[in-house]
Amino acid sequence: MVEDRTPIGKEIKPQEPVRPVTFKIVPESLQNIRDKASVPEFIISGQIDKVICKLSEPLTGQVIIEETAALIKSIELQLVRVETCGCAEGYSRDATEIQNIQIGEGNVFTCAFGGLLTF
């Protein structure tokens, strides 16, 4: 999640150094899939250079296609705003898609960089 925590008219310095966040996506880690048996085997890893940043700054990082059992037609990054509201009954979360960005097209696994995409 990328979040702009700067109050209007003020600059806030990060309390701790900004560190890259690594990730690994495999079929078992997917959520909201109706038929997990139909998902081909794959391993995608990478890093996001920083997860707390101003929305006016670029989102940078890399995606590495380690393995795939099927042809990958495209890779897209999805920016989602998640709002959480708390009340006496508990918490409510609402996710809204903000933007979809295509960072790879065609057979990206066999590209010149061996499945490495930077954004």
PDB file of N, CA and C in Angstrom:
ATOM      1  N   MET A   1       0.843  -1.162   0.000  1.00  0.00           N
ATOM      2  CA  MET A   1       0.000   0.000   0.000  1.00  0.00           C
ATOM      3  C   MET A   1       0.890   1.228   0.000  1.00  0.00           C
ATOM      4  N   VAL A   2       0.600   2.159  -0.873  1.00  0.00           N
ATOM      5  CA  VAL A   2       1.318   3.416  -0.939  1.00  0.00           C
ATOM      6  C   VAL A   2       0.390   4.478  -0.390  1.00  0.00           C
ATOM      7  N   GLU A   3       0.911   5.307   0.477  1.00  0.00           N
ATOM      8  CA  GLU A   3       0.048   6.236   1.179  1.00  0.00           C
ATOM      9  C   GLU A   3       0.713   7.591   1.307  1.00  0.00           C
ATOM     10  N   ASP A   4      -0.049   8.665   1.116  1.00  0.00           N
ATOM     11  CA  ASP A   4       0.441  10.021   1.321  1.00  0.00           C
ATOM     12  C   ASP A   4      -0.031  10.466   2.693  1.00  0.00           C
ATOM     13  N   ARG A   5       0.876  10.539   3.637  1.00  0.00           N
ATOM     14  CA  ARG A   5       0.531  10.896   5.012  1.00  0.00           C
ATOM     15  C   ARG A   5       0.887  12.333   5.347  1.00  0.00           C
ATOM     16  N   THR A   6       1.106  13.164   4.328  1.00  0.00           N
ATOM     17  CA  THR A   6       1.513  14.544   4.548  1.00  0.00           C
ATOM     18  C   THR A   6       0.283  15.429   4.717  1.00  0.00           C
ATOM     19  N   PRO A   7       0.120  16.094   5.875  1.00  0.00           N
ATOM     20  CA  PRO A   7      -0.988  17.032   6.015  1.00  0.00           C
ATOM     21  C   PRO A   7      -0.833  18.180   5.021  1.00  0.00           C
ATOM     22  N   ILE A   8      -1.940  18.740   4.605  1.00  0.00           N
ATOM     23  CA  ILE A   8      -1.915  19.827   3.627  1.00  0.00           C
ATOM     24  C   ILE A   8      -1.093  20.986   4.184  1.00  0.00           C
ATOM     25  N   GLY A   9      -0.123  21.447   3.377  1.00  0.00           N
ATOM     26  CA  GLY A   9       0.703  22.584   3.755  1.00  0.00           C
ATOM     27  C   GLY A   9       1.882  22.258   4.649  1.00  0.00           C
ATOM     28  N   LYS A  10       2.094  20.988   5.031  1.00  0.00           N
ATOM     29  CA  LYS A  10       3.207  20.634   5.916  1.00  0.00           C
ATOM     30  C   LYS A  10       4.002  19.487   5.308  1.00  0.00           C
ATOM     31  N   GLU A  11       5.292  19.514   5.568  1.00  0.00           N
ATOM     32  CA  GLU A  11       6.173  18.414   5.178  1.00  0.00           C
ATOM     33  C   GLU A  11       6.513  17.613   6.425  1.00  0.00           C
ATOM     34  N   ILE A  12       6.384  16.301   6.341  1.00  0.00           N
ATOM     35  CA  ILE A  12       6.743  15.432   7.465  1.00  0.00           C
ATOM     36  C   ILE A  12       7.911  14.577   7.032  1.00  0.00           C
ATOM     37  N   LYS A  13       8.940  14.540   7.842  1.00  0.00           N
ATOM     38  CA  LYS A  13      10.095  13.699   7.551  1.00  0.00           C
ATOM     39  C   LYS A  13       9.812  12.289   8.080  1.00  0.00           C
ATOM     40  N   PRO A  14      10.222  11.257   7.331  1.00  0.00           N
ATOM     41  CA  PRO A  14       9.999   9.891   7.809  1.00  0.00           C
ATOM     42  C   PRO A  14      10.702   9.667   9.142  1.00  0.00           C
ATOM     43  N   GLN A  15      10.054   8.913  10.019  1.00  0.00           N
ATOM     44  CA  GLN A  15      10.627   8.648  11.336  1.00  0.00           C
ATOM     45  C   GLN A  15      11.723   7.600  11.274  1.00  0.00           C
ATOM     46  N   GLU A  16      11.671   6.742  10.295  1.00  0.00           N
ATOM     47  CA  GLU A  16      12.712   5.745  10.132  1.00  0.00           C
ATOM     48  C   GLU A  16      13.141   5.712   8.677  1.00  0.00           C
ATOM     49  N   PRO A  17      14.323   5.192   8.392  1.00  0.00           N
ATOM     50  CA  PRO A  17      14.794   5.179   7.010  1.00  0.00           C
ATOM     51  C   PRO A  17      13.851   4.381   6.108  1.00  0.00           C
ATOM     52  N   VAL A  18      13.721   4.847   4.880  1.00  0.00           N
ATOM     53  CA  VAL A  18      12.889   4.150   3.907  1.00  0.00           C
ATOM     54  C   VAL A  18      13.651   2.923   3.422  1.00  0.00           C
ATOM     55  N   ARG A  19      13.010   1.773   3.514  1.00  0.00           N
ATOM     56  CA  ARG A  19      13.639   0.508   3.113  1.00  0.00           C
ATOM     57  C   ARG A  19      12.796  -0.165   2.040  1.00  0.00           C
ATOM     58  N   PRO A  20      13.438  -0.858   1.121  1.00  0.00           N
ATOM     59  CA  PRO A  20      12.665  -1.611   0.127  1.00  0.00           C
ATOM     60  C   PRO A  20      11.884  -2.744   0.800  1.00  0.00           C
ATOM     61  N   VAL A  21      10.756  -3.088   0.209  1.00  0.00           N
ATOM     62  CA  VAL A  21       9.928  -4.188   0.698  1.00  0.00           C
ATOM     63  C   VAL A  21       9.915  -5.261  -0.379  1.00  0.00           C
ATOM     64  N   THR A  22      10.309  -6.471  -0.017  1.00  0.00           N
ATOM     65  CA  THR A  22      10.319  -7.572  -0.979  1.00  0.00           C
ATOM     66  C   THR A  22       8.992  -8.327  -0.900  1.00  0.00           C
ATOM     67  N   PHE A  23       8.657  -8.990  -2.002  1.00  0.00           N
ATOM     68  CA  PHE A  23       7.432  -9.782  -2.039  1.00  0.00           C
ATOM     69  C   PHE A  23       7.647 -11.025  -2.883  1.00  0.00           C
ATOM     70  N   LYS A  24       6.792 -12.021  -2.661  1.00  0.00           N
ATOM     71  CA  LYS A  24       6.796 -13.248  -3.446  1.00  0.00           C
ATOM     72  C   LYS A  24       5.338 -13.662  -3.620  1.00  0.00           C
ATOM     73  N   ILE A  25       4.943 -13.898  -4.873  1.00  0.00           N
ATOM     74  CA  ILE A  25       3.570 -14.285  -5.179  1.00  0.00           C
ATOM     75  C   ILE A  25       3.598 -15.678  -5.802  1.00  0.00           C
ATOM     76  N   VAL A  26       2.821 -16.584  -5.236  1.00  0.00           N
ATOM     77  CA  VAL A  26       2.649 -17.945  -5.746  1.00  0.00           C
ATOM     78  C   VAL A  26       1.141 -18.228  -5.763  1.00  0.00           C
ATOM     79  N   PRO A  27       0.689 -19.239  -6.493  1.00  0.00           N
ATOM     80  CA  PRO A  27      -0.750 -19.501  -6.550  1.00  0.00           C
ATOM     81  C   PRO A  27      -1.400 -19.653  -5.167  1.00  0.00           C
ATOM     82  N   GLU A  28      -0.695 -20.235  -4.218  1.00  0.00           N
ATOM     83  CA  GLU A  28      -1.263 -20.446  -2.871  1.00  0.00           C
ATOM     84  C   GLU A  28      -1.482 -19.129  -2.120  1.00  0.00           C
ATOM     85  N   SER A  29      -0.801 -18.070  -2.515  1.00  0.00           N
ATOM     86  CA  SER A  29      -0.941 -16.795  -1.809  1.00  0.00           C
ATOM     87  C   SER A  29      -2.068 -15.927  -2.373  1.00  0.00           C
ATOM     88  N   LEU A  30      -2.700 -16.346  -3.463  1.00  0.00           N
ATOM     89  CA  LEU A  30      -3.773 -15.563  -4.070  1.00  0.00           C
ATOM     90  C   LEU A  30      -5.041 -15.643  -3.237  1.00  0.00           C
ATOM     91  N   GLN A  31      -5.778 -14.546  -3.212  1.00  0.00           N
ATOM     92  CA  GLN A  31      -7.051 -14.483  -2.500  1.00  0.00           C
ATOM     93  C   GLN A  31      -8.159 -14.164  -3.492  1.00  0.00           C
ATOM     94  N   ASN A  32      -9.388 -14.456  -3.117  1.00  0.00           N
ATOM     95  CA  ASN A  32     -10.569 -14.166  -3.933  1.00  0.00           C
ATOM     96  C   ASN A  32     -10.528 -14.861  -5.286  1.00  0.00           C
ATOM     97  N   ILE A  33     -10.044 -16.104  -5.313  1.00  0.00           N
ATOM     98  CA  ILE A  33     -10.008 -16.915  -6.527  1.00  0.00           C
ATOM     99  C   ILE A  33     -11.078 -17.995  -6.387  1.00  0.00           C
ATOM    100  N   ARG A  34     -11.967 -18.098  -7.384  1.00  0.00           N
ATOM    101  CA  ARG A  34     -13.047 -19.084  -7.308  1.00  0.00           C
ATOM    102  C   ARG A  34     -12.530 -20.511  -7.451  1.00  0.00           C
ATOM    103  N   ASP A  35     -11.660 -20.732  -8.454  1.00  0.00           N
ATOM    104  CA  ASP A  35     -11.173 -22.083  -8.731  1.00  0.00           C
ATOM    105  C   ASP A  35      -9.652 -22.081  -8.733  1.00  0.00           C
ATOM    106  N   LYS A  36      -9.068 -22.305  -7.552  1.00  0.00           N
ATOM    107  CA  LYS A  36      -7.600 -22.273  -7.439  1.00  0.00           C
ATOM    108  C   LYS A  36      -6.938 -23.377  -8.258  1.00  0.00           C
ATOM    109  N   ALA A  37      -7.651 -24.457  -8.539  1.00  0.00           N
ATOM    110  CA  ALA A  37      -7.077 -25.553  -9.315  1.00  0.00           C
ATOM    111  C   ALA A  37      -6.796 -25.137 -10.755  1.00  0.00           C
ATOM    112  N   SER A  38      -7.506 -24.129 -11.256  1.00  0.00           N
ATOM    113  CA  SER A  38      -7.306 -23.697 -12.637  1.00  0.00           C
ATOM    114  C   SER A  38      -6.166 -22.692 -12.795  1.00  0.00           C
ATOM    115  N   VAL A  39      -5.575 -22.242 -11.689  1.00  0.00           N
ATOM    116  CA  VAL A  39      -4.480 -21.269 -11.751  1.00  0.00           C
ATOM    117  C   VAL A  39      -3.179 -22.016 -12.046  1.00  0.00           C
ATOM    118  N   PRO A  40      -2.464 -21.652 -13.130  1.00  0.00           N
ATOM    119  CA  PRO A  40      -1.201 -22.341 -13.439  1.00  0.00           C
ATOM    120  C   PRO A  40      -0.127 -22.032 -12.395  1.00  0.00           C
ATOM    121  N   GLU A  41       0.847 -22.910 -12.297  1.00  0.00           N
ATOM    122  CA  GLU A  41       1.948 -22.713 -11.354  1.00  0.00           C
ATOM    123  C   GLU A  41       2.822 -21.542 -11.794  1.00  0.00           C
ATOM    124  N   PHE A  42       3.240 -20.726 -10.839  1.00  0.00           N
ATOM    125  CA  PHE A  42       4.137 -19.608 -11.123  1.00  0.00           C
ATOM    126  C   PHE A  42       4.794 -19.159  -9.826  1.00  0.00           C
ATOM    127  N   ILE A  43       5.913 -18.475  -9.971  1.00  0.00           N
ATOM    128  CA  ILE A  43       6.580 -17.797  -8.859  1.00  0.00           C
ATOM    129  C   ILE A  43       7.004 -16.432  -9.373  1.00  0.00           C
ATOM    130  N   ILE A  44       6.485 -15.391  -8.747  1.00  0.00           N
ATOM    131  CA  ILE A  44       6.831 -14.016  -9.088  1.00  0.00           C
ATOM    132  C   ILE A  44       7.341 -13.356  -7.820  1.00  0.00           C
ATOM    133  N   SER A  45       8.508 -12.741  -7.891  1.00  0.00           N
ATOM    134  CA  SER A  45       9.067 -12.046  -6.731  1.00  0.00           C
ATOM    135  C   SER A  45       9.477 -10.653  -7.154  1.00  0.00           C
ATOM    136  N   GLY A  46       9.944  -9.881  -6.204  1.00  0.00           N
ATOM    137  CA  GLY A  46      10.413  -8.548  -6.536  1.00  0.00           C
ATOM    138  C   GLY A  46      10.501  -7.667  -5.310  1.00  0.00           C
ATOM    139  N   GLN A  47      10.588  -6.382  -5.564  1.00  0.00           N
ATOM    140  CA  GLN A  47      10.641  -5.432  -4.459  1.00  0.00           C
ATOM    141  C   GLN A  47      10.010  -4.113  -4.877  1.00  0.00           C
ATOM    142  N   ILE A  48       9.453  -3.429  -3.900  1.00  0.00           N
ATOM    143  CA  ILE A  48       8.981  -2.064  -4.060  1.00  0.00           C
ATOM    144  C   ILE A  48       9.963  -1.219  -3.271  1.00  0.00           C
ATOM    145  N   ASP A  49      10.535  -0.210  -3.923  1.00  0.00           N
ATOM    146  CA  ASP A  49      11.609   0.556  -3.292  1.00  0.00           C
ATOM    147  C   ASP A  49      11.170   1.265  -2.014  1.00  0.00           C
ATOM    148  N   LYS A  50       9.943   1.760  -1.961  1.00  0.00           N
ATOM    149  CA  LYS A  50       9.410   2.313  -0.718  1.00  0.00           C
ATOM    150  C   LYS A  50       7.888   2.263  -0.775  1.00  0.00           C
ATOM    151  N   VAL A  51       7.278   1.968   0.359  1.00  0.00           N
ATOM    152  CA  VAL A  51       5.828   1.820   0.405  1.00  0.00           C
ATOM    153  C   VAL A  51       5.141   3.014   1.058  1.00  0.00           C
ATOM    154  N   ILE A  52       5.893   3.908   1.641  1.00  0.00           N
ATOM    155  CA  ILE A  52       5.332   5.145   2.163  1.00  0.00           C
ATOM    156  C   ILE A  52       5.962   6.277   1.371  1.00  0.00           C
ATOM    157  N   CYS A  53       5.163   6.906   0.532  1.00  0.00           N
ATOM    158  CA  CYS A  53       5.685   7.978  -0.304  1.00  0.00           C
ATOM    159  C   CYS A  53       4.554   8.921  -0.687  1.00  0.00           C
ATOM    160  N   LYS A  54       4.939  10.075  -1.186  1.00  0.00           N
ATOM    161  CA  LYS A  54       3.957  11.032  -1.681  1.00  0.00           C
ATOM    162  C   LYS A  54       3.370  10.499  -2.981  1.00  0.00           C
ATOM    163  N   LEU A  55       2.111  10.782  -3.205  1.00  0.00           N
ATOM    164  CA  LEU A  55       1.496  10.352  -4.450  1.00  0.00           C
ATOM    165  C   LEU A  55       2.075  11.084  -5.651  1.00  0.00           C
ATOM    166  N   SER A  56       2.747  12.212  -5.411  1.00  0.00           N
ATOM    167  CA  SER A  56       3.362  12.963  -6.503  1.00  0.00           C
ATOM    168  C   SER A  56       4.730  12.393  -6.895  1.00  0.00           C
ATOM    169  N   GLU A  57       5.259  11.436  -6.130  1.00  0.00           N
ATOM    170  CA  GLU A  57       6.541  10.814  -6.443  1.00  0.00           C
ATOM    171  C   GLU A  57       6.315   9.500  -7.186  1.00  0.00           C
ATOM    172  N   PRO A  58       7.283   9.089  -8.021  1.00  0.00           N
ATOM    173  CA  PRO A  58       7.101   7.831  -8.756  1.00  0.00           C
ATOM    174  C   PRO A  58       7.188   6.621  -7.828  1.00  0.00           C
ATOM    175  N   LEU A  59       6.426   5.597  -8.169  1.00  0.00           N
ATOM    176  CA  LEU A  59       6.498   4.301  -7.501  1.00  0.00           C
ATOM    177  C   LEU A  59       7.528   3.491  -8.276  1.00  0.00           C
ATOM    178  N   THR A  60       8.582   3.036  -7.605  1.00  0.00           N
ATOM    179  CA  THR A  60       9.663   2.329  -8.298  1.00  0.00           C
ATOM    180  C   THR A  60       9.918   0.974  -7.647  1.00  0.00           C
ATOM    181  N   GLY A  61      10.478   0.065  -8.422  1.00  0.00           N
ATOM    182  CA  GLY A  61      10.808  -1.262  -7.919  1.00  0.00           C
ATOM    183  C   GLY A  61      11.103  -2.195  -9.066  1.00  0.00           C
ATOM    184  N   GLN A  62      10.984  -3.500  -8.782  1.00  0.00           N
ATOM    185  CA  GLN A  62      11.212  -4.492  -9.826  1.00  0.00           C
ATOM    186  C   GLN A  62      10.346  -5.716  -9.585  1.00  0.00           C
ATOM    187  N   VAL A  63      10.051  -6.398 -10.683  1.00  0.00           N
ATOM    188  CA  VAL A  63       9.287  -7.647 -10.666  1.00  0.00           C
ATOM    189  C   VAL A  63      10.137  -8.678 -11.380  1.00  0.00           C
ATOM    190  N   ILE A  64      10.266  -9.869 -10.779  1.00  0.00           N
ATOM    191  CA  ILE A  64      11.049 -10.945 -11.379  1.00  0.00           C
ATOM    192  C   ILE A  64      10.139 -12.149 -11.582  1.00  0.00           C
ATOM    193  N   ILE A  65      10.017 -12.593 -12.829  1.00  0.00           N
ATOM    194  CA  ILE A  65       9.262 -13.803 -13.138  1.00  0.00           C
ATOM    195  C   ILE A  65      10.236 -14.966 -12.977  1.00  0.00           C
ATOM    196  N   GLU A  66      10.138 -15.679 -11.859  1.00  0.00           N
ATOM    197  CA  GLU A  66      11.073 -16.787 -11.591  1.00  0.00           C
ATOM    198  C   GLU A  66      10.670 -18.054 -12.326  1.00  0.00           C
ATOM    199  N   GLU A  67       9.377 -18.382 -12.306  1.00  0.00           N
ATOM    200  CA  GLU A  67       8.859 -19.577 -12.981  1.00  0.00           C
ATOM    201  C   GLU A  67       7.458 -19.287 -13.460  1.00  0.00           C
ATOM    202  N   THR A  68       7.086 -19.928 -14.560  1.00  0.00           N
ATOM    203  CA  THR A  68       5.704 -19.853 -15.017  1.00  0.00           C
ATOM    204  C   THR A  68       5.392 -21.072 -15.867  1.00  0.00           C
ATOM    205  N   ALA A  69       4.231 -21.671 -15.620  1.00  0.00           N
ATOM    206  CA  ALA A  69       3.802 -22.838 -16.384  1.00  0.00           C
ATOM    207  C   ALA A  69       2.955 -22.430 -17.588  1.00  0.00           C
ATOM    208  N   ALA A  70       2.636 -21.158 -17.697  1.00  0.00           N
ATOM    209  CA  ALA A  70       1.812 -20.667 -18.801  1.00  0.00           C
ATOM    210  C   ALA A  70       2.411 -19.380 -19.350  1.00  0.00           C
ATOM    211  N   LEU A  71       2.053 -19.058 -20.581  1.00  0.00           N
ATOM    212  CA  LEU A  71       2.498 -17.829 -21.218  1.00  0.00           C
ATOM    213  C   LEU A  71       1.876 -16.635 -20.492  1.00  0.00           C
ATOM    214  N   ILE A  72       2.696 -15.658 -20.154  1.00  0.00           N
ATOM    215  CA  ILE A  72       2.210 -14.433 -19.510  1.00  0.00           C
ATOM    216  C   ILE A  72       1.981 -13.410 -20.605  1.00  0.00           C
ATOM    217  N   LYS A  73       0.732 -12.942 -20.750  1.00  0.00           N
ATOM    218  CA  LYS A  73       0.398 -11.984 -21.808  1.00  0.00           C
ATOM    219  C   LYS A  73       0.712 -10.554 -21.400  1.00  0.00           C
ATOM    220  N   SER A  74       0.544 -10.237 -20.124  1.00  0.00           N
ATOM    221  CA  SER A  74       0.860  -8.892 -19.649  1.00  0.00           C
ATOM    222  C   SER A  74       0.988  -8.908 -18.132  1.00  0.00           C
ATOM    223  N   ILE A  75       1.650  -7.882 -17.605  1.00  0.00           N
ATOM    224  CA  ILE A  75       1.767  -7.692 -16.156  1.00  0.00           C
ATOM    225  C   ILE A  75       1.309  -6.278 -15.851  1.00  0.00           C
ATOM    226  N   GLU A  76       0.422  -6.167 -14.886  1.00  0.00           N
ATOM    227  CA  GLU A  76      -0.115  -4.869 -14.512  1.00  0.00           C
ATOM    228  C   GLU A  76       0.038  -4.644 -13.019  1.00  0.00           C
ATOM    229  N   LEU A  77       0.336  -3.406 -12.650  1.00  0.00           N
ATOM    230  CA  LEU A  77       0.334  -2.994 -11.250  1.00  0.00           C
ATOM    231  C   LEU A  77      -0.984  -2.284 -11.001  1.00  0.00           C
ATOM    232  N   GLN A  78      -1.590  -2.585  -9.874  1.00  0.00           N
ATOM    233  CA  GLN A  78      -2.870  -1.973  -9.545  1.00  0.00           C
ATOM    234  C   GLN A  78      -2.730  -1.164  -8.269  1.00  0.00           C
ATOM    235  N   LEU A  79      -3.034   0.130  -8.353  1.00  0.00           N
ATOM    236  CA  LEU A  79      -3.021   1.007  -7.191  1.00  0.00           C
ATOM    237  C   LEU A  79      -4.430   0.988  -6.591  1.00  0.00           C
ATOM    238  N   VAL A  80      -4.520   0.559  -5.330  1.00  0.00           N
ATOM    239  CA  VAL A  80      -5.807   0.416  -4.653  1.00  0.00           C
ATOM    240  C   VAL A  80      -5.786   1.224  -3.368  1.00  0.00           C
ATOM    241  N   ARG A  81      -6.834   2.010  -3.172  1.00  0.00           N
ATOM    242  CA  ARG A  81      -6.991   2.748  -1.911  1.00  0.00           C
ATOM    243  C   ARG A  81      -7.840   1.887  -0.991  1.00  0.00           C
ATOM    244  N   VAL A  82      -7.339   1.650   0.216  1.00  0.00           N
ATOM    245  CA  VAL A  82      -8.086   0.886   1.212  1.00  0.00           C
ATOM    246  C   VAL A  82      -8.432   1.818   2.361  1.00  0.00           C
ATOM    247  N   GLU A  83      -9.725   1.966   2.608  1.00  0.00           N
ATOM    248  CA  GLU A  83     -10.201   2.810   3.695  1.00  0.00           C
ATOM    249  C   GLU A  83     -10.741   1.920   4.800  1.00  0.00           C
ATOM    250  N   THR A  84     -10.359   2.206   6.027  1.00  0.00           N
ATOM    251  CA  THR A  84     -10.823   1.447   7.179  1.00  0.00           C
ATOM    252  C   THR A  84     -11.558   2.383   8.118  1.00  0.00           C
ATOM    253  N   CYS A  85     -12.767   2.000   8.469  1.00  0.00           N
ATOM    254  CA  CYS A  85     -13.572   2.788   9.409  1.00  0.00           C
ATOM    255  C   CYS A  85     -13.882   1.920  10.620  1.00  0.00           C
ATOM    256  N   GLY A  86     -13.701   2.488  11.791  1.00  0.00           N
ATOM    257  CA  GLY A  86     -13.982   1.744  13.015  1.00  0.00           C
ATOM    258  C   GLY A  86     -15.205   2.289  13.724  1.00  0.00           C
ATOM    259  N   CYS A  87     -15.949   1.388  14.329  1.00  0.00           N
ATOM    260  CA  CYS A  87     -17.113   1.783  15.124  1.00  0.00           C
ATOM    261  C   CYS A  87     -17.327   0.734  16.211  1.00  0.00           C
ATOM    262  N   ALA A  88     -18.376   0.873  16.978  1.00  0.00           N
ATOM    263  CA  ALA A  88     -18.633  -0.038  18.096  1.00  0.00           C
ATOM    264  C   ALA A  88     -18.817  -1.479  17.621  1.00  0.00           C
ATOM    265  N   GLU A  89     -19.348  -1.665  16.407  1.00  0.00           N
ATOM    266  CA  GLU A  89     -19.591  -3.018  15.886  1.00  0.00           C
ATOM    267  C   GLU A  89     -18.340  -3.668  15.321  1.00  0.00           C
ATOM    268  N   GLY A  90     -17.268  -2.909  15.152  1.00  0.00           N
ATOM    269  CA  GLY A  90     -16.032  -3.448  14.588  1.00  0.00           C
ATOM    270  C   GLY A  90     -15.493  -2.549  13.500  1.00  0.00           C
ATOM    271  N   TYR A  91     -14.712  -3.130  12.608  1.00  0.00           N
ATOM    272  CA  TYR A  91     -14.075  -2.377  11.539  1.00  0.00           C
ATOM    273  C   TYR A  91     -14.688  -2.741  10.201  1.00  0.00           C
ATOM    274  N   SER A  92     -14.725  -1.779   9.321  1.00  0.00           N
ATOM    275  CA  SER A  92     -15.190  -1.975   7.958  1.00  0.00           C
ATOM    276  C   SER A  92     -14.085  -1.532   7.021  1.00  0.00           C
ATOM    277  N   ARG A  93     -13.763  -2.373   6.018  1.00  0.00           N
ATOM    278  CA  ARG A  93     -12.727  -2.030   5.046  1.00  0.00           C
ATOM    279  C   ARG A  93     -13.354  -1.925   3.668  1.00  0.00           C
ATOM    280  N   ASP A  94     -12.955  -0.905   2.933  1.00  0.00           N
ATOM    281  CA  ASP A  94     -13.460  -0.692   1.587  1.00  0.00           C
ATOM    282  C   ASP A  94     -12.275  -0.447   0.662  1.00  0.00           C
ATOM    283  N   ALA A  95     -12.141  -1.256  -0.386  1.00  0.00           N
ATOM    284  CA  ALA A  95     -11.035  -1.121  -1.334  1.00  0.00           C
ATOM    285  C   ALA A  95     -11.564  -0.573  -2.652  1.00  0.00           C
ATOM    286  N   THR A  96     -10.877   0.430  -3.196  1.00  0.00           N
ATOM    287  CA  THR A  96     -11.263   1.065  -4.449  1.00  0.00           C
ATOM    288  C   THR A  96     -10.057   1.126  -5.370  1.00  0.00           C
ATOM    289  N   GLU A  97     -10.222   0.628  -6.603  1.00  0.00           N
ATOM    290  CA  GLU A  97      -9.128   0.718  -7.580  1.00  0.00           C
ATOM    291  C   GLU A  97      -8.945   2.166  -8.010  1.00  0.00           C
ATOM    292  N   ILE A  98      -7.699   2.636  -7.951  1.00  0.00           N
ATOM    293  CA  ILE A  98      -7.373   4.000  -8.336  1.00  0.00           C
ATOM    294  C   ILE A  98      -6.779   4.027  -9.742  1.00  0.00           C
ATOM    295  N   GLN A  99      -5.829   3.121  -9.998  1.00  0.00           N
ATOM    296  CA  GLN A  99      -5.152   3.128 -11.294  1.00  0.00           C
ATOM    297  C   GLN A  99      -4.601   1.750 -11.593  1.00  0.00           C
ATOM    298  N   ASN A 100      -4.563   1.402 -12.869  1.00  0.00           N
ATOM    299  CA  ASN A 100      -3.984   0.157 -13.354  1.00  0.00           C
ATOM    300  C   ASN A 100      -2.878   0.537 -14.335  1.00  0.00           C
ATOM    301  N   ILE A 101      -1.652   0.034 -14.133  1.00  0.00           N
ATOM    302  CA  ILE A 101      -0.518   0.399 -14.975  1.00  0.00           C
ATOM    303  C   ILE A 101       0.084  -0.876 -15.555  1.00  0.00           C
ATOM    304  N   GLN A 102       0.162  -0.949 -16.879  1.00  0.00           N
ATOM    305  CA  GLN A 102       0.772  -2.111 -17.524  1.00  0.00           C
ATOM    306  C   GLN A 102       2.281  -1.904 -17.562  1.00  0.00           C
ATOM    307  N   ILE A 103       3.036  -2.840 -16.960  1.00  0.00           N
ATOM    308  CA  ILE A 103       4.502  -2.725 -16.955  1.00  0.00           C
ATOM    309  C   ILE A 103       5.178  -3.766 -17.842  1.00  0.00           C
ATOM    310  N   GLY A 104       4.406  -4.709 -18.368  1.00  0.00           N
ATOM    311  CA  GLY A 104       4.973  -5.717 -19.263  1.00  0.00           C
ATOM    312  C   GLY A 104       3.916  -6.213 -20.224  1.00  0.00           C
ATOM    313  N   GLU A 105       4.318  -6.472 -21.478  1.00  0.00           N
ATOM    314  CA  GLU A 105       3.381  -6.950 -22.487  1.00  0.00           C
ATOM    315  C   GLU A 105       4.082  -7.987 -23.337  1.00  0.00           C
ATOM    316  N   GLY A 106       3.360  -9.001 -23.756  1.00  0.00           N
ATOM    317  CA  GLY A 106       3.944 -10.072 -24.555  1.00  0.00           C
ATOM    318  C   GLY A 106       4.515 -11.142 -23.638  1.00  0.00           C
ATOM    319  N   ASN A 107       5.382 -11.996 -24.171  1.00  0.00           N
ATOM    320  CA  ASN A 107       5.971 -13.068 -23.375  1.00  0.00           C
ATOM    321  C   ASN A 107       7.112 -12.493 -22.532  1.00  0.00           C
ATOM    322  N   VAL A 108       6.770 -11.925 -21.380  1.00  0.00           N
ATOM    323  CA  VAL A 108       7.768 -11.229 -20.565  1.00  0.00           C
ATOM    324  C   VAL A 108       8.778 -12.174 -19.940  1.00  0.00           C
ATOM    325  N   PHE A 109       8.435 -13.447 -19.789  1.00  0.00           N
ATOM    326  CA  PHE A 109       9.371 -14.384 -19.165  1.00  0.00           C
ATOM    327  C   PHE A 109      10.589 -14.618 -20.038  1.00  0.00           C
ATOM    328  N   THR A 110      10.437 -14.563 -21.332  1.00  0.00           N
ATOM    329  CA  THR A 110      11.569 -14.805 -22.230  1.00  0.00           C
ATOM    330  C   THR A 110      12.153 -13.499 -22.776  1.00  0.00           C
ATOM    331  N   CYS A 111      11.873 -12.387 -22.111  1.00  0.00           N
ATOM    332  CA  CYS A 111      12.410 -11.110 -22.589  1.00  0.00           C
ATOM    333  C   CYS A 111      13.930 -11.068 -22.402  1.00  0.00           C
ATOM    334  N   ALA A 112      14.547 -10.050 -22.940  1.00  0.00           N
ATOM    335  CA  ALA A 112      16.012  -9.929 -22.930  1.00  0.00           C
ATOM    336  C   ALA A 112      16.585  -9.913 -21.523  1.00  0.00           C
ATOM    337  N   PHE A 113      15.802  -9.494 -20.542  1.00  0.00           N
ATOM    338  CA  PHE A 113      16.296  -9.407 -19.171  1.00  0.00           C
ATOM    339  C   PHE A 113      15.989 -10.667 -18.364  1.00  0.00           C
ATOM    340  N   GLY A 114      15.494 -11.724 -18.998  1.00  0.00           N
ATOM    341  CA  GLY A 114      15.228 -12.975 -18.300  1.00  0.00           C
ATOM    342  C   GLY A 114      14.105 -12.878 -17.285  1.00  0.00           C
ATOM    343  N   GLY A 115      13.078 -12.113 -17.574  1.00  0.00           N
ATOM    344  CA  GLY A 115      11.936 -12.015 -16.685  1.00  0.00           C
ATOM    345  C   GLY A 115      12.047 -10.912 -15.644  1.00  0.00           C
ATOM    346  N   LEU A 116      13.039 -10.029 -15.745  1.00  0.00           N
ATOM    347  CA  LEU A 116      13.206  -8.925 -14.805  1.00  0.00           C
ATOM    348  C   LEU A 116      12.591  -7.668 -15.407  1.00  0.00           C
ATOM    349  N   LEU A 117      11.629  -7.098 -14.700  1.00  0.00           N
ATOM    350  CA  LEU A 117      10.985  -5.849 -15.137  1.00  0.00           C
ATOM    351  C   LEU A 117      11.180  -4.798 -14.068  1.00  0.00           C
ATOM    352  N   THR A 118      11.592  -3.609 -14.453  1.00  0.00           N
ATOM    353  CA  THR A 118      11.692  -2.517 -13.503  1.00  0.00           C
ATOM    354  C   THR A 118      10.575  -1.523 -13.781  1.00  0.00           C
ATOM    355  N   PHE A 119      10.122  -0.891 -12.720  1.00  0.00           N
ATOM    356  CA  PHE A 119       9.088   0.139 -12.877  1.00  0.00           C
ATOM    357  C   PHE A 119       9.442   1.313 -12.031  1.00  0.00           C
TER     358      PHE A 119
END
